[in-house]
Structures are given as structure tokens and as C-alpha cells.
C-alpha atoms as a PDB file:
ATOM      1  CA  MET A   1     -24.392  12.511 -13.153  1.00  0.00           C
ATOM      2  CA  LEU A   2     -22.004   9.771 -14.124  1.00  0.00           C
ATOM      3  CA  HIS A   3     -23.323   6.264 -13.783  1.00  0.00           C
ATOM      4  CA  HIS A   4     -20.826   3.539 -13.075  1.00  0.00           C
ATOM      5  CA  HIS A   5     -21.646  -0.107 -13.135  1.00  0.00           C
ATOM      6  CA  HIS A   6     -19.109  -0.742 -10.441  1.00  0.00           C
ATOM      7  CA  ARG A   7     -20.404  -1.620  -7.067  1.00  0.00           C
ATOM      8  CA  LEU A   8     -17.837  -0.605  -4.518  1.00  0.00           C
ATOM      9  CA  LEU A   9     -17.400  -1.622  -0.928  1.00  0.00           C
ATOM     10  CA  LEU A  10     -15.775   1.176   1.022  1.00  0.00           C
ATOM     11  CA  ALA A  11     -13.630  -0.080   3.889  1.00  0.00           C
ATOM     12  CA  SER A  12     -14.134   3.041   5.949  1.00  0.00           C
ATOM     13  CA  GLN A  13     -16.412   4.740   8.435  1.00  0.00           C
ATOM     14  CA  SER A  14     -15.832   8.141   6.839  1.00  0.00           C
ATOM     15  CA  PRO A  15     -19.103   9.829   5.876  1.00  0.00           C
ATOM     16  CA  HIS A  16     -17.062  12.186   3.670  1.00  0.00           C
ATOM     17  CA  ARG A  17     -15.590   9.366   1.607  1.00  0.00           C
ATOM     18  CA  LEU A  18     -18.975   7.716   1.278  1.00  0.00           C
ATOM     19  CA  ARG A  19     -20.608  10.945   0.123  1.00  0.00           C
ATOM     20  CA  LEU A  20     -17.853  11.621  -2.407  1.00  0.00           C
ATOM     21  CA  LEU A  21     -18.256   8.199  -3.991  1.00  0.00           C
ATOM     22  CA  SER A  22     -22.052   8.401  -4.040  1.00  0.00           C
ATOM     23  CA  GLU A  23     -21.948  11.860  -5.604  1.00  0.00           C
ATOM     24  CA  ALA A  24     -19.513  10.572  -8.216  1.00  0.00           C
ATOM     25  CA  GLY A  25     -22.148   8.034  -9.253  1.00  0.00           C
ATOM     26  CA  TYR A  26     -20.811   4.871  -7.644  1.00  0.00           C
ATOM     27  CA  ASP A  27     -23.052   2.273  -6.137  1.00  0.00           C
ATOM     28  CA  VAL A  28     -21.209   2.210  -2.839  1.00  0.00           C
ATOM     29  CA  GLU A  29     -21.702   0.576   0.504  1.00  0.00           C
ATOM     30  CA  ALA A  30     -19.617   1.277   3.598  1.00  0.00           C
ATOM     31  CA  VAL A  31     -18.098  -1.657   5.445  1.00  0.00           C
ATOM     32  CA  PRO A  32     -16.996  -0.432   8.861  1.00  0.00           C
ATOM     33  CA  VAL A  33     -13.513  -1.665   9.692  1.00  0.00           C
ATOM     34  CA  ALA A  34     -11.719  -1.257  12.962  1.00  0.00           C
ATOM     35  CA  ILE A  35      -8.006  -1.870  12.729  1.00  0.00           C
ATOM     36  CA  ASP A  36      -5.274  -0.717  15.039  1.00  0.00           C
ATOM     37  CA  GLU A  37      -4.130   2.044  12.745  1.00  0.00           C
ATOM     38  CA  PRO A  38      -0.381   2.454  12.898  1.00  0.00           C
ATOM     39  CA  ASP A  39       0.803   6.048  12.800  1.00  0.00           C
ATOM     40  CA  PRO A  40       1.927   6.507   9.168  1.00  0.00           C
ATOM     41  CA  ALA A  41       4.587   8.952  10.376  1.00  0.00           C
ATOM     42  CA  ALA A  42       6.192   6.083  12.258  1.00  0.00           C
ATOM     43  CA  PHE A  43       7.085   4.341   8.994  1.00  0.00           C
ATOM     44  CA  ALA A  44      10.512   5.091   7.545  1.00  0.00           C
ATOM     45  CA  ASP A  45       8.756   5.786   4.267  1.00  0.00           C
ATOM     46  CA  LEU A  46       5.484   7.674   4.695  1.00  0.00           C
ATOM     47  CA  ASP A  47       4.086   6.597   1.315  1.00  0.00           C
ATOM     48  CA  ALA A  48       4.745   2.940   2.071  1.00  0.00           C
ATOM     49  CA  GLY A  49       3.065   3.413   5.451  1.00  0.00           C
ATOM     50  CA  LEU A  50      -0.063   5.005   3.975  1.00  0.00           C
ATOM     51  CA  ALA A  51      -0.438   2.314   1.313  1.00  0.00           C
ATOM     52  CA  GLN A  52       0.092  -0.343   4.003  1.00  0.00           C
ATOM     53  CA  ILE A  53      -2.714   1.070   6.171  1.00  0.00           C
ATOM     54  CA  ALA A  54      -5.082   1.133   3.176  1.00  0.00           C
ATOM     55  CA  LEU A  55      -4.170  -2.509   2.475  1.00  0.00           C
ATOM     56  CA  LEU A  56      -4.821  -3.464   6.109  1.00  0.00           C
ATOM     57  CA  LYS A  57      -8.263  -1.834   5.943  1.00  0.00           C
ATOM     58  CA  ALA A  58      -9.179  -3.591   2.682  1.00  0.00           C
ATOM     59  CA  HIS A  59      -8.064  -6.997   3.973  1.00  0.00           C
ATOM     60  CA  GLU A  60      -9.945  -6.466   7.232  1.00  0.00           C
ATOM     61  CA  ALA A  61     -13.139  -5.744   5.239  1.00  0.00           C
ATOM     62  CA  ARG A  62     -12.618  -8.975   3.313  1.00  0.00           C
ATOM     63  CA  ARG A  63     -12.001 -10.882   6.550  1.00  0.00           C
ATOM     64  CA  ARG A  64     -15.374  -9.599   7.755  1.00  0.00           C
ATOM     65  CA  GLY A  65     -17.068 -11.166   4.768  1.00  0.00           C
ATOM     66  CA  ALA A  66     -17.143  -8.297   2.248  1.00  0.00           C
ATOM     67  CA  SER A  67     -16.981  -9.611  -1.294  1.00  0.00           C
ATOM     68  CA  GLY A  68     -16.594  -7.736  -4.554  1.00  0.00           C
ATOM     69  CA  LEU A  69     -14.448  -4.675  -5.127  1.00  0.00           C
ATOM     70  CA  ILE A  70     -13.182  -3.245  -1.861  1.00  0.00           C
ATOM     71  CA  PHE A  71     -11.710   0.254  -1.784  1.00  0.00           C
ATOM     72  CA  ALA A  72      -9.794   1.625   1.201  1.00  0.00           C
ATOM     73  CA  ALA A  73      -7.810   4.783   1.810  1.00  0.00           C
ATOM     74  CA  ASP A  74      -5.872   6.596   4.507  1.00  0.00           C
ATOM     75  CA  THR A  75      -5.199  10.321   4.290  1.00  0.00           C
ATOM     76  CA  VAL A  76      -2.710  12.600   6.036  1.00  0.00           C
ATOM     77  CA  GLY A  77      -1.537  16.177   5.657  1.00  0.00           C
ATOM     78  CA  CYS A  78       2.171  17.019   5.442  1.00  0.00           C
ATOM     79  CA  VAL A  79       3.756  20.398   6.036  1.00  0.00           C
ATOM     80  CA  GLU A  80       7.495  20.828   5.701  1.00  0.00           C
ATOM     81  CA  GLY A  81       8.171  17.196   6.435  1.00  0.00           C
ATOM     82  CA  LYS A  82       5.819  17.024   9.429  1.00  0.00           C
ATOM     83  CA  THR A  83       2.823  14.713   9.212  1.00  0.00           C
ATOM     84  CA  PHE A  84      -0.549  15.637  10.607  1.00  0.00           C
ATOM     85  CA  GLY A  85      -3.050  12.977  11.517  1.00  0.00           C
ATOM     86  CA  LYS A  86      -6.325  13.647  13.303  1.00  0.00           C
ATOM     87  CA  PRO A  87      -6.161  16.175  16.157  1.00  0.00           C
ATOM     88  CA  ARG A  88      -6.487  14.837  19.697  1.00  0.00           C
ATOM     89  CA  ASP A  89      -8.250  17.915  21.036  1.00  0.00           C
ATOM     90  CA  ARG A  90      -8.892  21.602  20.410  1.00  0.00           C
ATOM     91  CA  ALA A  91      -5.369  22.675  21.401  1.00  0.00           C
ATOM     92  CA  ASP A  92      -3.896  20.103  19.025  1.00  0.00           C
ATOM     93  CA  ALA A  93      -6.221  21.321  16.254  1.00  0.00           C
ATOM     94  CA  ARG A  94      -5.133  24.926  16.868  1.00  0.00           C
ATOM     95  CA  ARG A  95      -1.478  23.923  16.632  1.00  0.00           C
ATOM     96  CA  MET A  96      -2.079  22.108  13.339  1.00  0.00           C
ATOM     97  CA  LEU A  97      -4.076  24.964  11.812  1.00  0.00           C
ATOM     98  CA  GLN A  98      -1.428  27.491  12.825  1.00  0.00           C
ATOM     99  CA  SER A  99       1.171  25.281  11.139  1.00  0.00           C
ATOM    100  CA  ILE A 100      -0.711  25.135   7.830  1.00  0.00           C
ATOM    101  CA  SER A 101      -1.893  28.752   7.797  1.00  0.00           C
ATOM    102  CA  GLY A 102      -0.203  30.601   4.926  1.00  0.00           C
ATOM    103  CA  THR A 103       1.724  27.570   3.683  1.00  0.00           C
ATOM    104  CA  VAL A 104       1.781  25.217   0.767  1.00  0.00           C
ATOM    105  CA  HIS A 105       1.080  21.777   2.149  1.00  0.00           C
ATOM    106  CA  GLU A 106       0.596  18.360   0.768  1.00  0.00           C
ATOM    107  CA  VAL A 107      -2.187  15.880   1.306  1.00  0.00           C
ATOM    108  CA  ARG A 108      -1.363  12.243   0.674  1.00  0.00           C
ATOM    109  CA  SER A 109      -3.816   9.385   0.486  1.00  0.00           C
ATOM    110  CA  GLY A 110      -2.690   5.798   0.542  1.00  0.00           C
ATOM    111  CA  TRP A 111      -5.245   3.730  -1.390  1.00  0.00           C
ATOM    112  CA  CYS A 112      -5.958   0.102  -2.086  1.00  0.00           C
ATOM    113  CA  LEU A 113      -8.395  -1.624  -4.413  1.00  0.00           C
ATOM    114  CA  LEU A 114      -8.950  -5.304  -3.668  1.00  0.00           C
ATOM    115  CA  ARG A 115     -10.987  -7.685  -5.820  1.00  0.00           C
ATOM    116  CA  THR A 116     -12.055 -10.518  -3.563  1.00  0.00           C
ATOM    117  CA  ARG A 117     -12.893 -13.177  -6.163  1.00  0.00           C
ATOM    118  CA  ASP A 118      -9.256 -13.589  -7.183  1.00  0.00           C
ATOM    119  CA  GLY A 119      -7.358 -11.504  -4.637  1.00  0.00           C
ATOM    120  CA  LEU A 120      -6.147  -8.994  -7.230  1.00  0.00           C
ATOM    121  CA  GLU A 121      -4.958  -5.896  -5.443  1.00  0.00           C
ATOM    122  CA  ARG A 122      -3.555  -2.537  -6.403  1.00  0.00           C
ATOM    123  CA  SER A 123      -2.269   0.035  -3.996  1.00  0.00           C
ATOM    124  CA  GLY A 124      -0.396   3.292  -4.113  1.00  0.00           C
ATOM    125  CA  VAL A 125      -0.355   6.895  -2.952  1.00  0.00           C
ATOM    126  CA  GLU A 126      -1.934   9.964  -4.475  1.00  0.00           C
ATOM    127  CA  ARG A 127      -0.611  13.436  -3.647  1.00  0.00           C
ATOM    128  CA  THR A 128      -2.318  16.789  -3.825  1.00  0.00           C
ATOM    129  CA  THR A 129      -0.695  20.127  -3.062  1.00  0.00           C
ATOM    130  CA  ILE A 130      -2.693  22.925  -1.479  1.00  0.00           C
ATOM    131  CA  ARG A 131      -1.837  26.584  -1.052  1.00  0.00           C
ATOM    132  CA  MET A 132      -3.576  28.062   1.957  1.00  0.00           C
ATOM    133  CA  ARG A 133      -3.900  31.733   2.809  1.00  0.00           C
ATOM    134  CA  ILE A 134      -3.149  33.048   6.270  1.00  0.00           C
ATOM    135  CA  TRP A 135      -5.967  32.656   8.785  1.00  0.00           C
ATOM    136  CA  THR A 136      -6.867  35.577  11.026  1.00  0.00           C
ATOM    137  CA  GLU A 137      -7.052  34.926  14.762  1.00  0.00           C
ATOM    138  CA  LYS A 138     -10.837  35.486  14.590  1.00  0.00           C
ATOM    139  CA  GLU A 139     -11.263  32.936  11.775  1.00  0.00           C
ATOM    140  CA  LEU A 140      -9.162  30.439  13.680  1.00  0.00           C
ATOM    141  CA  ALA A 141     -11.244  30.870  16.846  1.00  0.00           C
ATOM    142  CA  GLU A 142     -14.529  30.579  14.935  1.00  0.00           C
ATOM    143  CA  TYR A 143     -13.377  27.460  13.139  1.00  0.00           C
ATOM    144  CA  LEU A 144     -12.226  25.834  16.382  1.00  0.00           C
ATOM    145  CA  ASP A 145     -15.569  26.747  18.012  1.00  0.00           C
ATOM    146  CA  SER A 146     -17.459  25.160  15.120  1.00  0.00           C
ATOM    147  CA  GLY A 147     -15.960  21.748  15.888  1.00  0.00           C
ATOM    148  CA  GLN A 148     -15.442  21.115  12.164  1.00  0.00           C
ATOM    149  CA  TRP A 149     -11.850  20.088  12.835  1.00  0.00           C
ATOM    150  CA  GLN A 150     -12.903  16.924  14.682  1.00  0.00           C
ATOM    151  CA  GLY A 151     -11.847  13.691  13.003  1.00  0.00           C
ATOM    152  CA  LYS A 152     -10.120  15.446  10.112  1.00  0.00           C
ATOM    153  CA  SER A 153      -6.486  14.907   9.211  1.00  0.00           C
ATOM    154  CA  GLY A 154      -4.570  18.121   9.756  1.00  0.00           C
ATOM    155  CA  ALA A 155      -7.700  19.447  11.546  1.00  0.00           C
ATOM    156  CA  TYR A 156      -9.035  20.744   8.256  1.00  0.00           C
ATOM    157  CA  GLY A 157     -11.637  19.532   5.799  1.00  0.00           C
ATOM    158  CA  LEU A 158     -11.566  20.982   2.322  1.00  0.00           C
ATOM    159  CA  GLU A 159     -14.785  22.642   1.208  1.00  0.00           C
ATOM    160  CA  TRP A 160     -15.006  21.872  -2.448  1.00  0.00           C
ATOM    161  CA  PRO A 161     -15.347  23.725  -4.813  1.00  0.00           C
ATOM    162  CA  HIS A 162     -15.353  27.035  -2.898  1.00  0.00           C
ATOM    163  CA  ASP A 163     -13.014  26.783   0.025  1.00  0.00           C
ATOM    164  CA  PRO A 164     -12.620  30.024   1.973  1.00  0.00           C
ATOM    165  CA  PHE A 165      -8.994  29.357   2.887  1.00  0.00           C
ATOM    166  CA  VAL A 166      -7.509  27.439  -0.018  1.00  0.00           C
ATOM    167  CA  THR A 167      -6.243  29.562  -2.886  1.00  0.00           C
ATOM    168  CA  GLU A 168      -4.740  26.917  -5.148  1.00  0.00           C
ATOM    169  CA  ILE A 169      -4.914  23.147  -5.606  1.00  0.00           C
ATOM    170  CA  CYS A 170      -2.478  21.064  -7.644  1.00  0.00           C
ATOM    171  CA  GLY A 171      -3.638  17.520  -8.196  1.00  0.00           C
ATOM    172  CA  SER A 172      -6.874  15.806  -7.235  1.00  0.00           C
ATOM    173  CA  PRO A 173      -9.209  17.930  -5.066  1.00  0.00           C
ATOM    174  CA  SER A 174     -11.234  14.888  -3.994  1.00  0.00           C
ATOM    175  CA  ASN A 175      -8.012  13.297  -2.720  1.00  0.00           C
ATOM    176  CA  VAL A 176      -7.931  15.945   0.006  1.00  0.00           C
ATOM    177  CA  ILE A 177     -11.296  14.728   1.270  1.00  0.00           C
ATOM    178  CA  GLY A 178      -9.987  11.183   1.171  1.00  0.00           C
ATOM    179  CA  VAL A 179     -10.696   9.560  -2.199  1.00  0.00           C
ATOM    180  CA  PRO A 180      -8.606  10.155  -5.323  1.00  0.00           C
ATOM    181  CA  LEU A 181     -11.615   9.823  -7.670  1.00  0.00           C
ATOM    182  CA  GLU A 182      -9.585  10.230 -10.863  1.00  0.00           C
ATOM    183  CA  LYS A 183      -7.179   7.479  -9.838  1.00  0.00           C
ATOM    184  CA  LEU A 184     -10.056   5.225  -8.815  1.00  0.00           C
ATOM    185  CA  ALA A 185     -11.846   5.667 -12.154  1.00  0.00           C
ATOM    186  CA  GLN A 186      -8.600   4.834 -13.993  1.00  0.00           C
ATOM    187  CA  LEU A 187      -8.053   1.706 -11.857  1.00  0.00           C
ATOM    188  CA  LEU A 188     -11.589   0.463 -12.424  1.00  0.00           C
ATOM    189  CA  THR A 189     -11.165   0.925 -16.177  1.00  0.00           C
ATOM    190  CA  GLU A 190      -7.935  -1.069 -16.041  1.00  0.00           C
ATOM    191  CA  ILE A 191      -9.173  -3.990 -13.970  1.00  0.00           C
ATOM    192  CA  GLY A 192     -12.802  -4.084 -15.103  1.00  0.00           C
ATOM    193  CA  GLU A 193     -15.344  -5.882 -12.963  1.00  0.00           C
END
């Protein structure tokens, strides 16, 4: 297990992000933030929109009194130019899963690292490409019944390292779950404490 000295404040309510960071050896604490999340697809430039949402989350955590290194992220799936956020209901989830079945799609996470003592901030977007095999109707029905699609961008949560539906990943696998760990480690090395 890697041991980092960095204590991170995660501006998120995502249990998946929290688990990822803990498993990666970070001393991490979640700071729940509630912002009116704009729809990243509404921005003229999706990447700018994702980075902007991550920035909003980080600044909201600071406004609530968090101090130290704040990390925030916002993740969406993109297929052929269409952006998938979190599904509204089962029918929406079905539509999203049918759209990504058998395709190569992209997952983008806007991220922001904010150091509160001097206001230093870095933000950007990390992209991962995923090749997904075709789902059978039975698999689709079982997955929808399981409720695992709830609260997940694109209605799908990657099971790492053995995902039953994903046949190839280009880029950061952890990014798909919502934290580009490799990018984060690089940033922390660059900015230090």
C-alpha cells in the first residue's frame, strides 16, 4: 500500500471517490458540498464546463471552512458527441446503456486541486476511452433490476479491474470512477504540501 503524507479534503459526496482515494493510500476526508450543478453539456466547451464545475465544488468546500488541500471532480460519459450525466430513472438508464453498448466511449473528469493557505489552484480535464462489448437484453434487464445504475454518470460504474462489459481501457481506469489518481499524484508532487 502506498502511503502519502498528503491529507486531502474531497469536495464530494461520492462514496466511490472516497474509497478510491483511501485505497490509494491518501488520508482523505469528505466535505459534502451542495452546489447547483450546471449541466456540463450546456457549456459551449464541455471540458471548460467540467473544469468549472470542479472549481465551483472546491471553492464551495473552502467557503464551508475546509482548509488544506481540497480536491474536487466532476465526471461525465460521452458517446459520439452526446454527453451522459446521471440517469433520471430506469427508462433513462436503459436508454443510456443501449447507447453505450458495443461502442467506444469516452469518460471525462473535470478536476480541481485547491490549496487554501495561499489560494493556489490547478484545474483541468482527464480523458479515458473505454471499449464496451454489446450487452444482451438479459444482461441489460438484470443490471437495471440491480439498481447499480443509480447516481452513476452514463448509468454505468466501472468494476475495476475485472469489468464484465469493458474490453479495453485507454487512459486512467480510476478516472472512470471519478478520480484521475495518476494525475492527482503528479499534481501533488508538483505543488508539494
